């Protein structure tokens, strides 16, 4: 289904694990330092600034994700229309902040990049490979922008 030279990433033990939003590469966004892209992304789901700060301070990205999955607080009303843009902004910031990561991303050339997330058919390829792979698409977009910037 995928070309043989596809770059797959997901678990922290995988090659290219640095592409994961759980990878320990922080980003400075919205006047704060976020330990990972996952922390930032999950916090952006909510209007409540105290809850966003709780997510930012979560010890691990797994904890930030768990906090972001709660539905005891309402998601921001525009979440579905803004989530891709938020993810793009955070991923772009990550690769512009960490030069070694930018070099790693550029080293993939024109290969397809796929988040091999078996339980996520939106950001990843899902259980059967037919998912939307939105995170992989964002990574390839950022790679193209980095290449164009020289």
Protein backbone atom coordinates (compact mmCIF):
# COMPACT_ATOMS: atom_id res chain seq x y z
CA UNK A 1 0.00 0.00 0.00
CA UNK A 2 2.85 2.39 0.83
CA UNK A 3 6.05 2.79 -1.21
CA UNK A 4 8.91 0.68 0.12
CA UNK A 5 10.95 3.77 1.05
CA UNK A 6 8.15 5.32 3.17
CA UNK A 7 9.31 6.97 6.40
CA UNK A 8 7.16 5.57 9.19
CA UNK A 9 7.24 6.95 12.73
CA UNK A 10 5.20 6.48 15.87
CA UNK A 11 6.83 4.88 18.92
CA UNK A 12 9.75 6.46 20.73
CA UNK A 13 11.88 3.43 19.82
CA UNK A 14 11.22 3.81 16.05
CA UNK A 15 13.60 5.36 13.57
CA UNK A 16 12.50 8.96 13.05
CA UNK A 17 10.80 8.98 16.47
CA UNK A 18 11.81 12.65 16.62
CA UNK A 19 8.91 13.36 14.24
CA UNK A 20 6.40 12.35 16.92
CA UNK A 21 4.59 15.07 18.84
CA UNK A 22 5.61 13.18 21.99
CA UNK A 23 9.32 13.62 21.21
CA UNK A 24 11.08 15.78 23.84
CA UNK A 25 11.59 18.91 21.77
CA UNK A 26 9.96 22.00 23.19
CA UNK A 27 8.46 24.97 21.40
CA UNK A 28 7.96 28.61 22.34
CA UNK A 29 4.45 29.61 21.35
CA UNK A 30 1.93 32.12 22.70
CA UNK A 31 4.41 33.60 25.19
CA UNK A 32 5.13 30.26 26.86
CA UNK A 33 7.53 27.32 26.58
CA UNK A 34 5.78 24.04 25.87
CA UNK A 35 7.73 20.84 26.63
CA UNK A 36 6.44 19.11 23.49
CA UNK A 37 4.16 19.76 20.53
CA UNK A 38 1.68 17.38 22.19
CA UNK A 39 1.47 19.63 25.26
CA UNK A 40 0.77 22.67 23.09
CA UNK A 41 -1.72 20.97 20.81
CA UNK A 42 -3.78 19.41 23.60
CA UNK A 43 -3.95 22.70 25.52
CA UNK A 44 -5.29 24.55 22.51
CA UNK A 45 -8.50 22.53 22.62
CA UNK A 46 -9.75 24.58 25.56
CA UNK A 47 -10.72 28.17 26.26
CA UNK A 48 -10.04 27.84 30.01
CA UNK A 49 -6.59 29.38 30.57
CA UNK A 50 -6.08 27.59 33.90
CA UNK A 51 -6.73 24.23 32.27
CA UNK A 52 -4.39 25.06 29.37
CA UNK A 53 -1.70 25.85 31.93
CA UNK A 54 -2.36 22.56 33.70
CA UNK A 55 -1.76 20.76 30.40
CA UNK A 56 1.39 22.80 29.75
CA UNK A 57 2.76 21.74 33.12
CA UNK A 58 1.93 18.04 32.67
CA UNK A 59 4.94 15.89 33.48
CA UNK A 60 4.86 13.80 30.28
CA UNK A 61 3.26 14.19 26.85
CA UNK A 62 1.14 11.13 27.64
CA UNK A 63 -0.27 13.05 30.62
CA UNK A 64 -0.91 16.12 28.47
CA UNK A 65 -2.80 13.97 25.99
CA UNK A 66 -4.90 12.42 28.73
CA UNK A 67 -5.81 15.90 30.01
CA UNK A 68 -6.65 16.95 26.47
CA UNK A 69 -8.97 13.99 26.01
CA UNK A 70 -11.26 15.04 28.85
CA UNK A 71 -14.75 16.09 27.94
CA UNK A 72 -15.60 17.39 31.41
CA UNK A 73 -14.68 20.79 29.95
CA UNK A 74 -16.08 21.84 26.60
CA UNK A 75 -13.81 21.97 23.58
CA UNK A 76 -13.49 25.39 22.03
CA UNK A 77 -16.36 25.91 19.60
CA UNK A 78 -14.14 26.29 16.53
CA UNK A 79 -11.89 23.28 17.30
CA UNK A 80 -12.68 21.24 14.20
CA UNK A 81 -11.98 24.18 11.90
CA UNK A 82 -8.73 25.28 13.58
CA UNK A 83 -7.03 22.07 14.72
CA UNK A 84 -5.07 21.48 11.51
CA UNK A 85 -3.72 25.03 11.53
CA UNK A 86 -2.73 24.73 15.18
CA UNK A 87 -0.91 21.47 14.48
CA UNK A 88 0.88 22.97 11.48
CA UNK A 89 2.02 26.02 13.47
CA UNK A 90 3.36 23.88 16.33
CA UNK A 91 5.14 21.38 14.05
CA UNK A 92 6.66 24.17 11.96
CA UNK A 93 7.90 25.88 15.13
CA UNK A 94 9.44 22.63 16.38
CA UNK A 95 11.47 22.11 13.20
CA UNK A 96 12.50 25.76 12.97
CA UNK A 97 13.60 25.74 16.62
CA UNK A 98 15.69 22.56 16.56
CA UNK A 99 18.25 22.62 13.73
CA UNK A 100 19.13 18.94 14.10
CA UNK A 101 15.48 18.03 13.61
CA UNK A 102 15.23 20.20 10.52
CA UNK A 103 18.26 18.40 9.09
CA UNK A 104 16.69 15.03 9.90
CA UNK A 105 13.44 16.04 8.21
CA UNK A 106 15.30 17.29 5.13
CA UNK A 107 17.26 14.02 5.01
CA UNK A 108 14.05 12.22 4.08
CA UNK A 109 14.21 13.79 0.61
CA UNK A 110 10.92 13.33 -1.20
CA UNK A 111 9.91 10.16 0.64
CA UNK A 112 6.38 9.75 1.93
CA UNK A 113 6.16 10.37 5.69
CA UNK A 114 3.49 8.44 7.60
CA UNK A 115 2.53 8.46 11.25
CA UNK A 116 2.04 4.74 11.81
CA UNK A 117 -0.63 5.31 14.46
CA UNK A 118 -2.87 2.25 14.59
CA UNK A 119 -5.59 3.96 16.61
CA UNK A 120 -5.64 7.29 14.79
CA UNK A 121 -7.07 7.45 11.29
CA UNK A 122 -7.05 11.26 11.24
CA UNK A 123 -3.50 12.28 12.21
CA UNK A 124 -2.05 8.88 11.32
CA UNK A 125 -2.64 6.00 8.92
CA UNK A 126 -5.03 4.15 11.23
CA UNK A 127 -5.36 0.41 11.74
CA UNK A 128 -5.49 -0.54 8.06
CA UNK A 129 -3.32 2.16 6.47
CA UNK A 130 -6.24 4.04 4.96
CA UNK A 131 -6.19 6.94 7.45
CA UNK A 132 -5.77 10.58 6.45
CA UNK A 133 -2.21 10.89 7.81
CA UNK A 134 -2.65 14.60 8.44
CA UNK A 135 0.47 14.76 10.65
CA UNK A 136 2.56 13.14 7.94
CA UNK A 137 1.17 15.63 5.42
CA UNK A 138 2.07 18.53 7.71
CA UNK A 139 5.61 17.17 8.13
CA UNK A 140 6.01 16.94 4.35
CA UNK A 141 4.71 20.51 3.99
CA UNK A 142 7.20 21.78 6.59
CA UNK A 143 9.96 19.80 4.86
CA UNK A 144 9.15 21.56 1.58
CA UNK A 145 9.20 24.96 3.29
CA UNK A 146 12.55 24.22 4.94
CA UNK A 147 13.97 23.12 1.58
CA UNK A 148 12.68 26.28 -0.12
CA UNK A 149 14.26 28.43 2.59
CA UNK A 150 17.63 26.81 1.82
